[in-house]
Amino acid sequence: MTSPAEGERRHTLRTAVARYEELRSREVLDGLAADDVLELLALSEVIARKAGYGRQLSVRNARAAGASWTAIGRALGTTKQAAWEAHTRWIDTQSAQHRGSGHEGFDDAETAAARRLAGAPDDVVP
């Protein structure tokens, strides 16, 4: 694996973390060849991307369950405004991904539903 894009196709979050931990253990004990260090770097990006996506799904689920942006921000260790902004950027990214691929990300209806659920930082759940 040489790139995060390849790693995202090849690994789930769980398998990426397992491989990352395997390489980190070897790195600490024996050192790694350049190819393995590059794989470790790519895996760290894969993990960050997959965890970030999962986090935004959890934010959406929290809103659907009635959580306020204040509560979500607190759970993320940030402000309600920062949590809302990160989530709306994620929605925008999902929409752009669908426009680019035609099948990944959010289509127009899913984007509209996600925006309604997100509301504004001071909104209660609709």
Protein backbone atom coordinates (compact mmCIF):
# COMPACT_ATOMS: atom_id res chain seq x y z
CA MET A 1 0.00 0.00 0.00
CA THR A 2 1.49 3.30 -1.04
CA SER A 3 -1.35 5.78 -0.73
CA PRO A 4 -4.26 6.54 1.57
CA ALA A 5 -6.70 6.10 -1.34
CA GLU A 6 -5.43 2.57 -1.89
CA GLY A 7 -5.58 1.91 1.86
CA GLU A 8 -9.16 3.14 2.11
CA ARG A 9 -10.21 0.64 -0.55
CA ARG A 10 -8.21 -2.17 1.01
CA HIS A 11 -8.90 -1.72 4.73
CA THR A 12 -11.74 -1.26 7.13
CA LEU A 13 -11.00 0.95 10.12
CA ARG A 14 -10.41 -2.18 12.18
CA THR A 15 -7.97 -3.79 9.74
CA ALA A 16 -6.14 -0.50 9.18
CA VAL A 17 -5.65 -0.09 12.94
CA ALA A 18 -4.47 -3.70 13.29
CA ARG A 19 -1.91 -3.29 10.50
CA TYR A 20 -0.84 0.09 11.89
CA GLU A 21 -0.29 -1.42 15.35
CA GLU A 22 1.67 -4.31 13.83
CA LEU A 23 3.97 -1.93 11.96
CA ARG A 24 4.35 0.40 14.99
CA SER A 25 5.39 -2.54 17.17
CA ARG A 26 7.97 -3.62 14.61
CA GLU A 27 9.18 -0.04 14.22
CA VAL A 28 9.77 0.31 17.96
CA LEU A 29 11.50 -3.06 18.27
CA ASP A 30 13.51 -3.38 15.08
CA GLY A 31 13.05 -0.32 12.93
CA LEU A 32 11.38 -0.47 9.53
CA ALA A 33 12.39 -0.37 5.91
CA ALA A 34 11.38 2.73 3.97
CA ASP A 35 8.42 0.95 2.30
CA ASP A 36 7.05 -0.09 5.69
CA VAL A 37 7.45 3.42 7.12
CA LEU A 38 5.57 4.82 4.12
CA GLU A 39 2.83 2.24 4.64
CA LEU A 40 2.67 3.31 8.30
CA LEU A 41 2.25 6.93 7.24
CA ALA A 42 -0.44 6.05 4.70
CA LEU A 43 -2.24 3.91 7.29
CA SER A 44 -2.27 6.80 9.75
CA GLU A 45 -4.09 8.89 7.13
CA VAL A 46 -6.52 6.04 6.37
CA ILE A 47 -7.33 5.75 10.08
CA ALA A 48 -7.85 9.50 10.42
CA ARG A 49 -10.16 9.60 7.39
CA LYS A 50 -12.22 6.59 8.42
CA ALA A 51 -12.48 7.76 12.02
CA GLY A 52 -13.49 11.24 10.85
CA TYR A 53 -16.22 9.81 8.67
CA GLY A 54 -17.47 7.66 11.54
CA ARG A 55 -17.42 10.66 13.84
CA GLN A 56 -19.63 12.66 11.48
CA LEU A 57 -22.06 9.75 11.19
CA SER A 58 -22.25 9.75 14.99
CA VAL A 59 -22.85 13.51 14.98
CA ARG A 60 -25.71 13.01 12.54
CA ASN A 61 -27.11 10.21 14.72
CA ALA A 62 -26.81 12.42 17.80
CA ARG A 63 -28.82 15.14 16.06
CA ALA A 64 -31.42 12.60 14.95
CA ALA A 65 -31.67 11.41 18.57
CA GLY A 66 -32.36 14.98 19.71
CA ALA A 67 -28.92 16.17 20.86
CA SER A 68 -28.25 19.90 20.74
CA TRP A 69 -25.18 21.38 19.10
CA THR A 70 -24.06 22.47 22.57
CA ALA A 71 -24.13 18.85 23.78
CA ILE A 72 -22.44 17.60 20.60
CA GLY A 73 -19.73 20.26 20.88
CA ARG A 74 -19.15 19.28 24.51
CA ALA A 75 -18.87 15.60 23.53
CA LEU A 76 -16.29 16.53 20.87
CA GLY A 77 -14.39 18.86 23.18
CA THR A 78 -15.21 21.94 21.12
CA THR A 79 -17.85 24.64 20.77
CA LYS A 80 -21.29 24.13 19.27
CA GLN A 81 -20.30 26.46 16.43
CA ALA A 82 -17.13 24.50 15.60
CA ALA A 83 -19.00 21.18 15.77
CA TRP A 84 -21.74 22.49 13.47
CA GLU A 85 -19.22 23.97 11.02
CA ALA A 86 -17.25 20.71 10.82
CA HIS A 87 -20.45 18.77 10.23
CA THR A 88 -21.72 21.10 7.53
CA ARG A 89 -18.32 20.92 5.79
CA TRP A 90 -18.64 17.12 5.90
CA ILE A 91 -22.11 17.36 4.32
CA ASP A 92 -20.66 19.60 1.59
CA THR A 93 -17.84 17.10 1.00
CA GLN A 94 -20.31 14.21 0.76
CA SER A 95 -22.38 16.17 -1.76
CA ALA A 96 -19.32 17.05 -3.86
CA GLN A 97 -18.17 13.45 -3.77
CA HIS A 98 -21.51 12.31 -5.18
CA ARG A 99 -21.42 14.93 -7.91
CA GLY A 100 -17.93 13.73 -8.85
CA SER A 101 -18.53 9.97 -8.74
CA GLY A 102 -22.25 9.65 -9.33
CA HIS A 103 -22.58 7.02 -6.61
CA GLU A 104 -20.45 7.82 -3.53
CA GLY A 105 -21.42 10.44 -0.97
CA PHE A 106 -24.81 12.13 -0.69
CA ASP A 107 -27.18 12.68 -3.59
CA ASP A 108 -29.30 15.85 -3.67
CA ALA A 109 -32.09 14.40 -1.52
CA GLU A 110 -29.65 13.01 1.07
CA THR A 111 -27.79 16.32 1.15
CA ALA A 112 -31.00 18.25 1.73
CA ALA A 113 -32.07 15.87 4.50
CA ALA A 114 -28.65 16.12 6.17
CA ARG A 115 -28.77 19.94 6.01
CA ARG A 116 -32.27 19.98 7.52
CA LEU A 117 -31.18 17.74 10.36
CA ALA A 118 -28.04 19.80 10.99
CA GLY A 119 -30.02 23.02 11.13
CA ALA A 120 -28.11 25.97 12.56
CA PRO A 121 -25.86 25.94 15.63
CA ASP A 122 -28.62 27.35 17.84
CA ASP A 123 -31.41 25.18 16.44
CA VAL A 124 -33.08 22.40 18.31
CA VAL A 125 -33.55 19.19 16.39
CA PRO A 126 -36.41 19.61 13.89
